[in-house]
Amino acid sequence: MRLLRLLNRLFHGPAWLTFLAMGVAVGGFALCSLNLFELFHANFRLLATYGVMAALDGGLLQLAELIAWGYLALAFYVVFKGCLDGLLHRIHRSRE
């Protein structure tokens, strides 16, 4: 519940805070997702080529780390979209 209160304050709090958080979220998303597809492709190719040997040498650990980076990028994207929705809701409400 604490996280929900924090996100609600972030999305519907002061506009400057929402805009600042939106910028941080876009930067985090860009850093986390940079080259992620190519790294996944290289990891799958490594595991497919060398099989169990690559898996035991750290291929599965690397795959788990790539999945974690993907979920972190997704979390940054969700924060960005929440901030965007909060700002757009504020704009639409002021027009009425």
PDB file of N, CA and C in Angstrom:
ATOM      1  N   MET A   1       0.810  -1.194   0.000  1.00  0.00           N
ATOM      2  CA  MET A   1       0.000   0.000   0.000  1.00  0.00           C
ATOM      3  C   MET A   1       0.860   1.268   0.000  1.00  0.00           C
ATOM      4  N   ARG A   2       2.027   1.167   0.590  1.00  0.00           N
ATOM      5  CA  ARG A   2       2.909   2.324   0.644  1.00  0.00           C
ATOM      6  C   ARG A   2       3.374   2.722  -0.762  1.00  0.00           C
ATOM      7  N   LEU A   3       3.644   1.704  -1.591  1.00  0.00           N
ATOM      8  CA  LEU A   3       4.054   1.954  -2.966  1.00  0.00           C
ATOM      9  C   LEU A   3       2.924   2.623  -3.748  1.00  0.00           C
ATOM     10  N   LEU A   4       1.685   2.191  -3.516  1.00  0.00           N
ATOM     11  CA  LEU A   4       0.543   2.795  -4.210  1.00  0.00           C
ATOM     12  C   LEU A   4       0.373   4.267  -3.831  1.00  0.00           C
ATOM     13  N   ARG A   5       0.574   4.570  -2.543  1.00  0.00           N
ATOM     14  CA  ARG A   5       0.490   5.973  -2.117  1.00  0.00           C
ATOM     15  C   ARG A   5       1.590   6.818  -2.748  1.00  0.00           C
ATOM     16  N   LEU A   6       2.786   6.248  -2.820  1.00  0.00           N
ATOM     17  CA  LEU A   6       3.904   6.959  -3.433  1.00  0.00           C
ATOM     18  C   LEU A   6       3.638   7.209  -4.919  1.00  0.00           C
ATOM     19  N   LEU A   7       3.175   6.183  -5.625  1.00  0.00           N
ATOM     20  CA  LEU A   7       2.879   6.352  -7.048  1.00  0.00           C
ATOM     21  C   LEU A   7       1.729   7.332  -7.282  1.00  0.00           C
ATOM     22  N   ASN A   8       0.707   7.297  -6.412  1.00  0.00           N
ATOM     23  CA  ASN A   8      -0.399   8.243  -6.545  1.00  0.00           C
ATOM     24  C   ASN A   8       0.082   9.676  -6.345  1.00  0.00           C
ATOM     25  N   ARG A   9       0.951   9.880  -5.375  1.00  0.00           N
ATOM     26  CA  ARG A   9       1.508  11.221  -5.161  1.00  0.00           C
ATOM     27  C   ARG A   9       2.386  11.631  -6.337  1.00  0.00           C
ATOM     28  N   LEU A  10       3.117  10.677  -6.872  1.00  0.00           N
ATOM     29  CA  LEU A  10       3.988  10.970  -7.999  1.00  0.00           C
ATOM     30  C   LEU A  10       3.190  11.315  -9.258  1.00  0.00           C
ATOM     31  N   PHE A  11       2.131  10.554  -9.533  1.00  0.00           N
ATOM     32  CA  PHE A  11       1.352  10.762 -10.746  1.00  0.00           C
ATOM     33  C   PHE A  11       0.408  11.957 -10.644  1.00  0.00           C
ATOM     34  N   HIS A  12      -0.123  12.208  -9.459  1.00  0.00           N
ATOM     35  CA  HIS A  12      -1.130  13.260  -9.308  1.00  0.00           C
ATOM     36  C   HIS A  12      -0.711  14.365  -8.343  1.00  0.00           C
ATOM     37  N   GLY A  13       0.561  14.422  -8.002  1.00  0.00           N
ATOM     38  CA  GLY A  13       1.070  15.454  -7.112  1.00  0.00           C
ATOM     39  C   GLY A  13       1.383  16.723  -7.888  1.00  0.00           C
ATOM     40  N   PRO A  14       2.353  17.485  -7.416  1.00  0.00           N
ATOM     41  CA  PRO A  14       2.740  18.706  -8.135  1.00  0.00           C
ATOM     42  C   PRO A  14       3.236  18.387  -9.543  1.00  0.00           C
ATOM     43  N   ALA A  15       2.884  19.246 -10.482  1.00  0.00           N
ATOM     44  CA  ALA A  15       3.214  19.003 -11.886  1.00  0.00           C
ATOM     45  C   ALA A  15       4.723  18.958 -12.109  1.00  0.00           C
ATOM     46  N   TRP A  16       5.480  19.783 -11.405  1.00  0.00           N
ATOM     47  CA  TRP A  16       6.923  19.792 -11.609  1.00  0.00           C
ATOM     48  C   TRP A  16       7.546  18.472 -11.160  1.00  0.00           C
ATOM     49  N   LEU A  17       7.016  17.888 -10.067  1.00  0.00           N
ATOM     50  CA  LEU A  17       7.528  16.613  -9.577  1.00  0.00           C
ATOM     51  C   LEU A  17       7.195  15.482 -10.556  1.00  0.00           C
ATOM     52  N   THR A  18       5.977  15.518 -11.091  1.00  0.00           N
ATOM     53  CA  THR A  18       5.571  14.514 -12.067  1.00  0.00           C
ATOM     54  C   THR A  18       6.425  14.617 -13.323  1.00  0.00           C
ATOM     55  N   PHE A  19       6.668  15.830 -13.784  1.00  0.00           N
ATOM     56  CA  PHE A  19       7.476  16.025 -14.986  1.00  0.00           C
ATOM     57  C   PHE A  19       8.922  15.587 -14.755  1.00  0.00           C
ATOM     58  N   LEU A  20       9.466  15.880 -13.586  1.00  0.00           N
ATOM     59  CA  LEU A  20      10.821  15.466 -13.245  1.00  0.00           C
ATOM     60  C   LEU A  20      10.922  13.938 -13.189  1.00  0.00           C
ATOM     61  N   ALA A  21       9.950  13.306 -12.554  1.00  0.00           N
ATOM     62  CA  ALA A  21       9.944  11.844 -12.472  1.00  0.00           C
ATOM     63  C   ALA A  21       9.778  11.223 -13.852  1.00  0.00           C
ATOM     64  N   MET A  22       9.019  11.871 -14.706  1.00  0.00           N
ATOM     65  CA  MET A  22       8.829  11.389 -16.068  1.00  0.00           C
ATOM     66  C   MET A  22      10.161  11.399 -16.817  1.00  0.00           C
ATOM     67  N   GLY A  23      10.937  12.439 -16.659  1.00  0.00           N
ATOM     68  CA  GLY A  23      12.244  12.516 -17.303  1.00  0.00           C
ATOM     69  C   GLY A  23      13.211  11.470 -16.776  1.00  0.00           C
ATOM     70  N   VAL A  24      13.197  11.242 -15.475  1.00  0.00           N
ATOM     71  CA  VAL A  24      14.065  10.217 -14.888  1.00  0.00           C
ATOM     72  C   VAL A  24      13.655   8.833 -15.391  1.00  0.00           C
ATOM     73  N   ALA A  25      12.338   8.600 -15.499  1.00  0.00           N
ATOM     74  CA  ALA A  25      11.850   7.307 -15.972  1.00  0.00           C
ATOM     75  C   ALA A  25      12.232   7.063 -17.427  1.00  0.00           C
ATOM     76  N   VAL A  26      12.166   8.080 -18.262  1.00  0.00           N
ATOM     77  CA  VAL A  26      12.571   7.923 -19.662  1.00  0.00           C
ATOM     78  C   VAL A  26      14.063   7.622 -19.744  1.00  0.00           C
ATOM     79  N   GLY A  27      14.861   8.315 -18.958  1.00  0.00           N
ATOM     80  CA  GLY A  27      16.294   8.044 -18.945  1.00  0.00           C
ATOM     81  C   GLY A  27      16.603   6.636 -18.455  1.00  0.00           C
ATOM     82  N   GLY A  28      15.915   6.204 -17.412  1.00  0.00           N
ATOM     83  CA  GLY A  28      16.109   4.846 -16.905  1.00  0.00           C
ATOM     84  C   GLY A  28      15.691   3.795 -17.914  1.00  0.00           C
ATOM     85  N   PHE A  29      14.574   4.047 -18.596  1.00  0.00           N
ATOM     86  CA  PHE A  29      14.113   3.120 -19.630  1.00  0.00           C
ATOM     87  C   PHE A  29      15.131   3.025 -20.762  1.00  0.00           C
ATOM     88  N   ALA A  30      15.659   4.163 -21.174  1.00  0.00           N
ATOM     89  CA  ALA A  30      16.636   4.172 -22.265  1.00  0.00           C
ATOM     90  C   ALA A  30      17.904   3.421 -21.872  1.00  0.00           C
ATOM     91  N   LEU A  31      18.383   3.621 -20.648  1.00  0.00           N
ATOM     92  CA  LEU A  31      19.599   2.931 -20.206  1.00  0.00           C
ATOM     93  C   LEU A  31      19.384   1.433 -20.048  1.00  0.00           C
ATOM     94  N   CYS A  32      18.226   1.045 -19.531  1.00  0.00           N
ATOM     95  CA  CYS A  32      17.969  -0.380 -19.309  1.00  0.00           C
ATOM     96  C   CYS A  32      17.706  -1.130 -20.600  1.00  0.00           C
ATOM     97  N   SER A  33      17.079  -0.484 -21.550  1.00  0.00           N
ATOM     98  CA  SER A  33      16.702  -1.202 -22.764  1.00  0.00           C
ATOM     99  C   SER A  33      17.713  -1.033 -23.898  1.00  0.00           C
ATOM    100  N   LEU A  34      18.753  -0.256 -23.661  1.00  0.00           N
ATOM    101  CA  LEU A  34      19.771  -0.047 -24.681  1.00  0.00           C
ATOM    102  C   LEU A  34      20.410  -1.376 -25.065  1.00  0.00           C
ATOM    103  N   ASN A  35      20.293  -1.729 -26.321  1.00  0.00           N
ATOM    104  CA  ASN A  35      20.943  -2.911 -26.866  1.00  0.00           C
ATOM    105  C   ASN A  35      20.447  -4.222 -26.253  1.00  0.00           C
ATOM    106  N   LEU A  36      19.311  -4.189 -25.568  1.00  0.00           N
ATOM    107  CA  LEU A  36      18.819  -5.371 -24.870  1.00  0.00           C
ATOM    108  C   LEU A  36      18.434  -6.481 -25.841  1.00  0.00           C
ATOM    109  N   PHE A  37      17.817  -6.140 -26.950  1.00  0.00           N
ATOM    110  CA  PHE A  37      17.409  -7.148 -27.927  1.00  0.00           C
ATOM    111  C   PHE A  37      18.621  -7.886 -28.498  1.00  0.00           C
ATOM    112  N   GLU A  38      19.657  -7.142 -28.817  1.00  0.00           N
ATOM    113  CA  GLU A  38      20.854  -7.781 -29.378  1.00  0.00           C
ATOM    114  C   GLU A  38      21.549  -8.674 -28.351  1.00  0.00           C
ATOM    115  N   LEU A  39      21.541  -8.273 -27.095  1.00  0.00           N
ATOM    116  CA  LEU A  39      22.141  -9.111 -26.058  1.00  0.00           C
ATOM    117  C   LEU A  39      21.344 -10.398 -25.858  1.00  0.00           C
ATOM    118  N   PHE A  40      20.000 -10.293 -25.882  1.00  0.00           N
ATOM    119  CA  PHE A  40      19.167 -11.500 -25.805  1.00  0.00           C
ATOM    120  C   PHE A  40      19.472 -12.433 -26.978  1.00  0.00           C
ATOM    121  N   HIS A  41      19.558 -11.862 -28.157  1.00  0.00           N
ATOM    122  CA  HIS A  41      19.827 -12.659 -29.348  1.00  0.00           C
ATOM    123  C   HIS A  41      21.188 -13.359 -29.246  1.00  0.00           C
ATOM    124  N   ALA A  42      22.191 -12.648 -28.799  1.00  0.00           N
ATOM    125  CA  ALA A  42      23.529 -13.247 -28.654  1.00  0.00           C
ATOM    126  C   ALA A  42      23.525 -14.342 -27.583  1.00  0.00           C
ATOM    127  N   ASN A  43      22.782 -14.116 -26.492  1.00  0.00           N
ATOM    128  CA  ASN A  43      22.721 -15.120 -25.437  1.00  0.00           C
ATOM    129  C   ASN A  43      22.013 -16.377 -25.922  1.00  0.00           C
ATOM    130  N   PHE A  44      20.900 -16.217 -26.627  1.00  0.00           N
ATOM    131  CA  PHE A  44      20.198 -17.386 -27.160  1.00  0.00           C
ATOM    132  C   PHE A  44      21.064 -18.138 -28.167  1.00  0.00           C
ATOM    133  N   ARG A  45      21.791 -17.390 -28.977  1.00  0.00           N
ATOM    134  CA  ARG A  45      22.677 -18.024 -29.959  1.00  0.00           C
ATOM    135  C   ARG A  45      23.800 -18.800 -29.250  1.00  0.00           C
ATOM    136  N   LEU A  46      24.351 -18.229 -28.178  1.00  0.00           N
ATOM    137  CA  LEU A  46      25.381 -18.911 -27.395  1.00  0.00           C
ATOM    138  C   LEU A  46      24.836 -20.197 -26.791  1.00  0.00           C
ATOM    139  N   LEU A  47      23.652 -20.122 -26.177  1.00  0.00           N
ATOM    140  CA  LEU A  47      23.068 -21.311 -25.553  1.00  0.00           C
ATOM    141  C   LEU A  47      22.701 -22.368 -26.591  1.00  0.00           C
ATOM    142  N   ALA A  48      22.215 -21.919 -27.756  1.00  0.00           N
ATOM    143  CA  ALA A  48      21.841 -22.881 -28.799  1.00  0.00           C
ATOM    144  C   ALA A  48      23.072 -23.540 -29.409  1.00  0.00           C
ATOM    145  N   THR A  49      24.164 -22.807 -29.508  1.00  0.00           N
ATOM    146  CA  THR A  49      25.363 -23.350 -30.137  1.00  0.00           C
ATOM    147  C   THR A  49      26.124 -24.290 -29.207  1.00  0.00           C
ATOM    148  N   TYR A  50      26.315 -23.883 -27.959  1.00  0.00           N
ATOM    149  CA  TYR A  50      27.171 -24.658 -27.063  1.00  0.00           C
ATOM    150  C   TYR A  50      26.409 -25.428 -25.989  1.00  0.00           C
ATOM    151  N   GLY A  51      25.111 -25.246 -25.895  1.00  0.00           N
ATOM    152  CA  GLY A  51      24.262 -26.057 -25.023  1.00  0.00           C
ATOM    153  C   GLY A  51      24.614 -25.996 -23.552  1.00  0.00           C
ATOM    154  N   VAL A  52      24.749 -27.187 -22.964  1.00  0.00           N
ATOM    155  CA  VAL A  52      24.945 -27.309 -21.522  1.00  0.00           C
ATOM    156  C   VAL A  52      26.249 -26.661 -21.078  1.00  0.00           C
ATOM    157  N   MET A  53      27.272 -26.750 -21.894  1.00  0.00           N
ATOM    158  CA  MET A  53      28.556 -26.151 -21.531  1.00  0.00           C
ATOM    159  C   MET A  53      28.410 -24.643 -21.338  1.00  0.00           C
ATOM    160  N   ALA A  54      27.699 -23.972 -22.243  1.00  0.00           N
ATOM    161  CA  ALA A  54      27.483 -22.529 -22.117  1.00  0.00           C
ATOM    162  C   ALA A  54      26.591 -22.212 -20.932  1.00  0.00           C
ATOM    163  N   ALA A  55      25.593 -23.062 -20.689  1.00  0.00           N
ATOM    164  CA  ALA A  55      24.689 -22.835 -19.558  1.00  0.00           C
ATOM    165  C   ALA A  55      25.446 -22.919 -18.237  1.00  0.00           C
ATOM    166  N   LEU A  56      26.342 -23.896 -18.135  1.00  0.00           N
ATOM    167  CA  LEU A  56      27.110 -24.054 -16.899  1.00  0.00           C
ATOM    168  C   LEU A  56      28.188 -22.987 -16.748  1.00  0.00           C
ATOM    169  N   ASP A  57      28.635 -22.426 -17.841  1.00  0.00           N
ATOM    170  CA  ASP A  57      29.658 -21.371 -17.788  1.00  0.00           C
ATOM    171  C   ASP A  57      29.077 -19.984 -17.550  1.00  0.00           C
ATOM    172  N   GLY A  58      27.800 -19.884 -17.302  1.00  0.00           N
ATOM    173  CA  GLY A  58      27.200 -18.594 -16.966  1.00  0.00           C
ATOM    174  C   GLY A  58      26.172 -18.108 -17.952  1.00  0.00           C
ATOM    175  N   GLY A  59      25.842 -18.906 -18.941  1.00  0.00           N
ATOM    176  CA  GLY A  59      24.845 -18.487 -19.922  1.00  0.00           C
ATOM    177  C   GLY A  59      23.461 -18.319 -19.315  1.00  0.00           C
ATOM    178  N   LEU A  60      23.088 -19.208 -18.388  1.00  0.00           N
ATOM    179  CA  LEU A  60      21.776 -19.086 -17.734  1.00  0.00           C
ATOM    180  C   LEU A  60      21.739 -17.895 -16.780  1.00  0.00           C
ATOM    181  N   LEU A  61      22.841 -17.653 -16.096  1.00  0.00           N
ATOM    182  CA  LEU A  61      22.911 -16.485 -15.214  1.00  0.00           C
ATOM    183  C   LEU A  61      22.791 -15.199 -16.022  1.00  0.00           C
ATOM    184  N   GLN A  62      23.464 -15.173 -17.158  1.00  0.00           N
ATOM    185  CA  GLN A  62      23.367 -13.999 -18.020  1.00  0.00           C
ATOM    186  C   GLN A  62      21.948 -13.828 -18.544  1.00  0.00           C
ATOM    187  N   LEU A  63      21.286 -14.922 -18.882  1.00  0.00           N
ATOM    188  CA  LEU A  63      19.898 -14.855 -19.334  1.00  0.00           C
ATOM    189  C   LEU A  63      18.989 -14.307 -18.230  1.00  0.00           C
ATOM    190  N   ALA A  64      19.214 -14.757 -17.001  1.00  0.00           N
ATOM    191  CA  ALA A  64      18.430 -14.242 -15.870  1.00  0.00           C
ATOM    192  C   ALA A  64      18.675 -12.745 -15.666  1.00  0.00           C
ATOM    193  N   GLU A  65      19.911 -12.318 -15.813  1.00  0.00           N
ATOM    194  CA  GLU A  65      20.224 -10.887 -15.675  1.00  0.00           C
ATOM    195  C   GLU A  65      19.569 -10.072 -16.779  1.00  0.00           C
ATOM    196  N   LEU A  66      19.551 -10.594 -17.985  1.00  0.00           N
ATOM    197  CA  LEU A  66      18.892  -9.881 -19.087  1.00  0.00           C
ATOM    198  C   LEU A  66      17.396  -9.776 -18.859  1.00  0.00           C
ATOM    199  N   ILE A  67      16.798 -10.833 -18.325  1.00  0.00           N
ATOM    200  CA  ILE A  67      15.368 -10.789 -18.009  1.00  0.00           C
ATOM    201  C   ILE A  67      15.108  -9.743 -16.927  1.00  0.00           C
ATOM    202  N   ALA A  68      15.973  -9.673 -15.917  1.00  0.00           N
ATOM    203  CA  ALA A  68      15.817  -8.662 -14.862  1.00  0.00           C
ATOM    204  C   ALA A  68      15.936  -7.249 -15.438  1.00  0.00           C
ATOM    205  N   TRP A  69      16.900  -7.027 -16.352  1.00  0.00           N
ATOM    206  CA  TRP A  69      17.034  -5.715 -16.992  1.00  0.00           C
ATOM    207  C   TRP A  69      15.771  -5.375 -17.790  1.00  0.00           C
ATOM    208  N   GLY A  70      15.199  -6.385 -18.442  1.00  0.00           N
ATOM    209  CA  GLY A  70      13.969  -6.167 -19.196  1.00  0.00           C
ATOM    210  C   GLY A  70      12.822  -5.748 -18.291  1.00  0.00           C
ATOM    211  N   TYR A  71      12.680  -6.406 -17.148  1.00  0.00           N
ATOM    212  CA  TYR A  71      11.610  -6.033 -16.213  1.00  0.00           C
ATOM    213  C   TYR A  71      11.858  -4.659 -15.582  1.00  0.00           C
ATOM    214  N   LEU A  72      13.108  -4.325 -15.346  1.00  0.00           N
ATOM    215  CA  LEU A  72      13.413  -2.990 -14.830  1.00  0.00           C
ATOM    216  C   LEU A  72      13.064  -1.927 -15.861  1.00  0.00           C
ATOM    217  N   ALA A  73      13.367  -2.190 -17.132  1.00  0.00           N
ATOM    218  CA  ALA A  73      12.985  -1.261 -18.204  1.00  0.00           C
ATOM    219  C   ALA A  73      11.472  -1.135 -18.270  1.00  0.00           C
ATOM    220  N   LEU A  74      10.765  -2.249 -18.105  1.00  0.00           N
ATOM    221  CA  LEU A  74       9.298  -2.209 -18.104  1.00  0.00           C
ATOM    222  C   LEU A  74       8.765  -1.371 -16.946  1.00  0.00           C
ATOM    223  N   ALA A  75       9.384  -1.492 -15.778  1.00  0.00           N
ATOM    224  CA  ALA A  75       8.957  -0.692 -14.628  1.00  0.00           C
ATOM    225  C   ALA A  75       9.160   0.799 -14.893  1.00  0.00           C
ATOM    226  N   PHE A  76      10.294   1.165 -15.485  1.00  0.00           N
ATOM    227  CA  PHE A  76      10.513   2.572 -15.833  1.00  0.00           C
ATOM    228  C   PHE A  76       9.479   3.053 -16.845  1.00  0.00           C
ATOM    229  N   TYR A  77       9.117   2.196 -17.796  1.00  0.00           N
ATOM    230  CA  TYR A  77       8.113   2.573 -18.798  1.00  0.00           C
ATOM    231  C   TYR A  77       6.747   2.778 -18.146  1.00  0.00           C
ATOM    232  N   VAL A  78       6.390   1.926 -17.201  1.00  0.00           N
ATOM    233  CA  VAL A  78       5.103   2.070 -16.514  1.00  0.00           C
ATOM    234  C   VAL A  78       5.069   3.373 -15.712  1.00  0.00           C
ATOM    235  N   VAL A  79       6.169   3.718 -15.067  1.00  0.00           N
ATOM    236  CA  VAL A  79       6.226   4.995 -14.335  1.00  0.00           C
ATOM    237  C   VAL A  79       6.097   6.158 -15.309  1.00  0.00           C
ATOM    238  N   PHE A  80       6.769   6.076 -16.454  1.00  0.00           N
ATOM    239  CA  PHE A  80       6.648   7.125 -17.464  1.00  0.00           C
ATOM    240  C   PHE A  80       5.205   7.281 -17.919  1.00  0.00           C
ATOM    241  N   LYS A  81       4.543   6.176 -18.236  1.00  0.00           N
ATOM    242  CA  LYS A  81       3.163   6.249 -18.718  1.00  0.00           C
ATOM    243  C   LYS A  81       2.225   6.762 -17.627  1.00  0.00           C
ATOM    244  N   GLY A  82       2.478   6.398 -16.383  1.00  0.00           N
ATOM    245  CA  GLY A  82       1.657   6.914 -15.287  1.00  0.00           C
ATOM    246  C   GLY A  82       1.824   8.413 -15.127  1.00  0.00           C
ATOM    247  N   CYS A  83       3.054   8.895 -15.224  1.00  0.00           N
ATOM    248  CA  CYS A  83       3.302  10.342 -15.147  1.00  0.00           C
ATOM    249  C   CYS A  83       2.644  11.059 -16.321  1.00  0.00           C
ATOM    250  N   LEU A  84       2.756  10.488 -17.499  1.00  0.00           N
ATOM    251  CA  LEU A  84       2.133  11.088 -18.675  1.00  0.00           C
ATOM    252  C   LEU A  84       0.630  11.159 -18.513  1.00  0.00           C
ATOM    253  N   ASP A  85       0.024  10.090 -18.015  1.00  0.00           N
ATOM    254  CA  ASP A  85      -1.421  10.083 -17.793  1.00  0.00           C
ATOM    255  C   ASP A  85      -1.820  11.128 -16.762  1.00  0.00           C
ATOM    256  N   GLY A  86      -1.039  11.251 -15.693  1.00  0.00           N
ATOM    257  CA  GLY A  86      -1.337  12.261 -14.672  1.00  0.00           C
ATOM    258  C   GLY A  86      -1.259  13.675 -15.227  1.00  0.00           C
ATOM    259  N   LEU A  87      -0.237  13.963 -16.031  1.00  0.00           N
ATOM    260  CA  LEU A  87      -0.110  15.296 -16.624  1.00  0.00           C
ATOM    261  C   LEU A  87      -1.216  15.575 -17.632  1.00  0.00           C
ATOM    262  N   LEU A  88      -1.540  14.595 -18.463  1.00  0.00           N
ATOM    263  CA  LEU A  88      -2.613  14.802 -19.441  1.00  0.00           C
ATOM    264  C   LEU A  88      -3.968  14.943 -18.771  1.00  0.00           C
ATOM    265  N   HIS A  89      -4.190  14.206 -17.695  1.00  0.00           N
ATOM    266  CA  HIS A  89      -5.447  14.346 -16.939  1.00  0.00           C
ATOM    267  C   HIS A  89      -5.560  15.759 -16.365  1.00  0.00           C
ATOM    268  N   ARG A  90      -4.449  16.286 -15.888  1.00  0.00           N
ATOM    269  CA  ARG A  90      -4.437  17.650 -15.361  1.00  0.00           C
ATOM    270  C   ARG A  90      -4.776  18.671 -16.448  1.00  0.00           C
ATOM    271  N   ILE A  91      -4.228  18.469 -17.646  1.00  0.00           N
ATOM    272  CA  ILE A  91      -4.490  19.389 -18.758  1.00  0.00           C
ATOM    273  C   ILE A  91      -5.947  19.326 -19.186  1.00  0.00           C
ATOM    274  N   HIS A  92      -6.480  18.121 -19.297  1.00  0.00           N
ATOM    275  CA  HIS A  92      -7.889  17.977 -19.705  1.00  0.00           C
ATOM    276  C   HIS A  92      -8.835  18.550 -18.644  1.00  0.00           C
ATOM    277  N   ARG A  93      -8.485  18.374 -17.388  1.00  0.00           N
ATOM    278  CA  ARG A  93      -9.326  18.903 -16.326  1.00  0.00           C
ATOM    279  C   ARG A  93      -9.324  20.432 -16.311  1.00  0.00           C
ATOM    280  N   SER A  94      -8.183  21.045 -16.650  1.00  0.00           N
ATOM    281  CA  SER A  94      -8.109  22.519 -16.657  1.00  0.00           C
ATOM    282  C   SER A  94      -8.861  23.116 -17.835  1.00  0.00           C
ATOM    283  N   ARG A  95      -9.056  22.347 -18.903  1.00  0.00           N
ATOM    284  CA  ARG A  95      -9.789  22.842 -20.063  1.00  0.00           C
ATOM    285  C   ARG A  95     -11.287  22.874 -19.828  1.00  0.00           C
ATOM    286  N   GLU A  96     -11.775  22.089 -18.886  1.00  0.00           N
ATOM    287  CA  GLU A  96     -13.220  22.013 -18.647  1.00  0.00           C
ATOM    288  C   GLU A  96     -13.738  23.129 -17.786  1.00  0.00           C
TER     289      GLU A  96
END
